[in-house]
């Protein structure tokens, strides 16, 4: 199955605040539309909404080949985060 990312501006603290929750059983139960499970107001540990990862600090230190590799990996990681957020801006 293909994977994807949904970027939300505000991470809900409880299920009742989530845009991906609906009511079932005549409005008596909360239903997570993403995981297809019932949820109970407190945010469950299986909730798919996670905070965005922070960018890595670029040191600019490239004294050894290992330093160069680590700096390139950090830069690539940051580029991925930029692309995710750029896509969120286009769709928002």
C-alpha atoms as a PDB file:
ATOM      1  CA  UNK A   1       0.000   0.000   0.000  1.00  0.00           C
ATOM      2  CA  UNK A   2       1.288   3.462  -0.865  1.00  0.00           C
ATOM      3  CA  UNK A   3       2.112   5.813   2.003  1.00  0.00           C
ATOM      4  CA  UNK A   4       1.219   9.468   2.282  1.00  0.00           C
ATOM      5  CA  UNK A   5       1.346  12.440   4.613  1.00  0.00           C
ATOM      6  CA  UNK A   6      -1.443  14.738   5.699  1.00  0.00           C
ATOM      7  CA  UNK A   7      -0.168  17.997   7.198  1.00  0.00           C
ATOM      8  CA  UNK A   8      -2.442  19.652   9.754  1.00  0.00           C
ATOM      9  CA  UNK A   9      -1.918  23.129  11.184  1.00  0.00           C
ATOM     10  CA  UNK A  10      -2.968  22.273  14.725  1.00  0.00           C
ATOM     11  CA  UNK A  11      -2.505  18.878  16.340  1.00  0.00           C
ATOM     12  CA  UNK A  12      -5.665  18.068  18.309  1.00  0.00           C
ATOM     13  CA  UNK A  13      -5.210  17.322  21.996  1.00  0.00           C
ATOM     14  CA  UNK A  14      -8.336  15.182  22.162  1.00  0.00           C
ATOM     15  CA  UNK A  15     -10.213  13.184  19.526  1.00  0.00           C
ATOM     16  CA  UNK A  16     -13.286  15.418  19.744  1.00  0.00           C
ATOM     17  CA  UNK A  17     -11.202  18.305  18.294  1.00  0.00           C
ATOM     18  CA  UNK A  18      -9.918  16.270  15.334  1.00  0.00           C
ATOM     19  CA  UNK A  19     -11.055  16.931  11.756  1.00  0.00           C
ATOM     20  CA  UNK A  20     -10.774  13.202  10.997  1.00  0.00           C
ATOM     21  CA  UNK A  21     -13.272  12.039  13.632  1.00  0.00           C
ATOM     22  CA  UNK A  22     -16.984  11.528  13.097  1.00  0.00           C
ATOM     23  CA  UNK A  23     -19.853  10.518  15.339  1.00  0.00           C
ATOM     24  CA  UNK A  24     -21.362   7.029  15.257  1.00  0.00           C
ATOM     25  CA  UNK A  25     -24.236   5.302  17.044  1.00  0.00           C
ATOM     26  CA  UNK A  26     -26.564   8.323  17.095  1.00  0.00           C
ATOM     27  CA  UNK A  27     -23.754  10.658  18.145  1.00  0.00           C
ATOM     28  CA  UNK A  28     -22.750   8.628  21.183  1.00  0.00           C
ATOM     29  CA  UNK A  29     -19.320   7.437  20.011  1.00  0.00           C
ATOM     30  CA  UNK A  30     -16.328   9.037  18.316  1.00  0.00           C
ATOM     31  CA  UNK A  31     -15.037   7.232  15.212  1.00  0.00           C
ATOM     32  CA  UNK A  32     -11.561   7.777  13.769  1.00  0.00           C
ATOM     33  CA  UNK A  33     -12.092   7.919  10.008  1.00  0.00           C
ATOM     34  CA  UNK A  34      -8.367   7.364   9.350  1.00  0.00           C
ATOM     35  CA  UNK A  35      -7.802   4.243  11.465  1.00  0.00           C
ATOM     36  CA  UNK A  36     -11.395   3.016  11.233  1.00  0.00           C
ATOM     37  CA  UNK A  37     -11.616   2.567  15.010  1.00  0.00           C
ATOM     38  CA  UNK A  38     -13.692   3.926  17.851  1.00  0.00           C
ATOM     39  CA  UNK A  39     -11.832   6.435  19.975  1.00  0.00           C
ATOM     40  CA  UNK A  40     -12.490   7.846  23.389  1.00  0.00           C
ATOM     41  CA  UNK A  41     -11.890  11.528  23.899  1.00  0.00           C
ATOM     42  CA  UNK A  42      -8.281  11.199  25.132  1.00  0.00           C
ATOM     43  CA  UNK A  43      -5.809  10.969  22.248  1.00  0.00           C
ATOM     44  CA  UNK A  44      -5.007   7.242  21.812  1.00  0.00           C
ATOM     45  CA  UNK A  45      -1.451   5.957  21.355  1.00  0.00           C
ATOM     46  CA  UNK A  46      -2.439   4.638  17.901  1.00  0.00           C
ATOM     47  CA  UNK A  47      -3.409   8.112  16.644  1.00  0.00           C
ATOM     48  CA  UNK A  48      -1.714   8.670  13.248  1.00  0.00           C
ATOM     49  CA  UNK A  49      -1.270  12.427  13.801  1.00  0.00           C
ATOM     50  CA  UNK A  50       2.284  13.145  14.901  1.00  0.00           C
ATOM     51  CA  UNK A  51       4.239  16.377  15.355  1.00  0.00           C
ATOM     52  CA  UNK A  52       6.382  17.450  12.414  1.00  0.00           C
ATOM     53  CA  UNK A  53      10.029  16.518  12.825  1.00  0.00           C
ATOM     54  CA  UNK A  54      12.477  19.346  13.430  1.00  0.00           C
ATOM     55  CA  UNK A  55      15.140  20.224  10.920  1.00  0.00           C
ATOM     56  CA  UNK A  56      18.690  19.084  11.656  1.00  0.00           C
ATOM     57  CA  UNK A  57      21.344  21.671  12.482  1.00  0.00           C
ATOM     58  CA  UNK A  58      23.938  22.063   9.745  1.00  0.00           C
ATOM     59  CA  UNK A  59      27.368  22.495  11.306  1.00  0.00           C
ATOM     60  CA  UNK A  60      29.369  23.528   8.271  1.00  0.00           C
ATOM     61  CA  UNK A  61      32.198  21.334   9.572  1.00  0.00           C
ATOM     62  CA  UNK A  62      33.546  19.171   6.770  1.00  0.00           C
ATOM     63  CA  UNK A  63      37.038  18.294   7.962  1.00  0.00           C
ATOM     64  CA  UNK A  64      36.863  14.571   7.254  1.00  0.00           C
ATOM     65  CA  UNK A  65      34.993  12.408   4.755  1.00  0.00           C
ATOM     66  CA  UNK A  66      32.699  11.277   7.590  1.00  0.00           C
ATOM     67  CA  UNK A  67      31.881  14.938   8.403  1.00  0.00           C
ATOM     68  CA  UNK A  68      31.040  15.556   4.748  1.00  0.00           C
ATOM     69  CA  UNK A  69      28.741  12.532   4.653  1.00  0.00           C
ATOM     70  CA  UNK A  70      26.953  13.517   7.874  1.00  0.00           C
ATOM     71  CA  UNK A  71      26.493  17.097   6.645  1.00  0.00           C
ATOM     72  CA  UNK A  72      25.075  15.877   3.315  1.00  0.00           C
ATOM     73  CA  UNK A  73      22.676  13.523   5.133  1.00  0.00           C
ATOM     74  CA  UNK A  74      21.467  16.366   7.396  1.00  0.00           C
ATOM     75  CA  UNK A  75      20.995  18.628   4.361  1.00  0.00           C
ATOM     76  CA  UNK A  76      18.996  15.902   2.571  1.00  0.00           C
ATOM     77  CA  UNK A  77      16.838  15.359   5.665  1.00  0.00           C
ATOM     78  CA  UNK A  78      16.103  19.095   5.800  1.00  0.00           C
ATOM     79  CA  UNK A  79      15.253  19.127   2.090  1.00  0.00           C
ATOM     80  CA  UNK A  80      12.668  16.384   2.678  1.00  0.00           C
ATOM     81  CA  UNK A  81      11.034  18.410   5.448  1.00  0.00           C
ATOM     82  CA  UNK A  82      11.012  21.498   3.194  1.00  0.00           C
ATOM     83  CA  UNK A  83       9.288  19.518   0.418  1.00  0.00           C
ATOM     84  CA  UNK A  84       6.631  18.198   2.797  1.00  0.00           C
ATOM     85  CA  UNK A  85       5.880  21.693   4.059  1.00  0.00           C
ATOM     86  CA  UNK A  86       5.957  23.196   0.552  1.00  0.00           C
ATOM     87  CA  UNK A  87       3.332  20.665  -0.549  1.00  0.00           C
ATOM     88  CA  UNK A  88       1.237  21.564   2.477  1.00  0.00           C
ATOM     89  CA  UNK A  89       1.353  25.250   1.528  1.00  0.00           C
ATOM     90  CA  UNK A  90       0.149  24.493  -2.025  1.00  0.00           C
ATOM     91  CA  UNK A  91      -2.793  22.422  -0.804  1.00  0.00           C
ATOM     92  CA  UNK A  92      -3.738  24.635   2.138  1.00  0.00           C
END
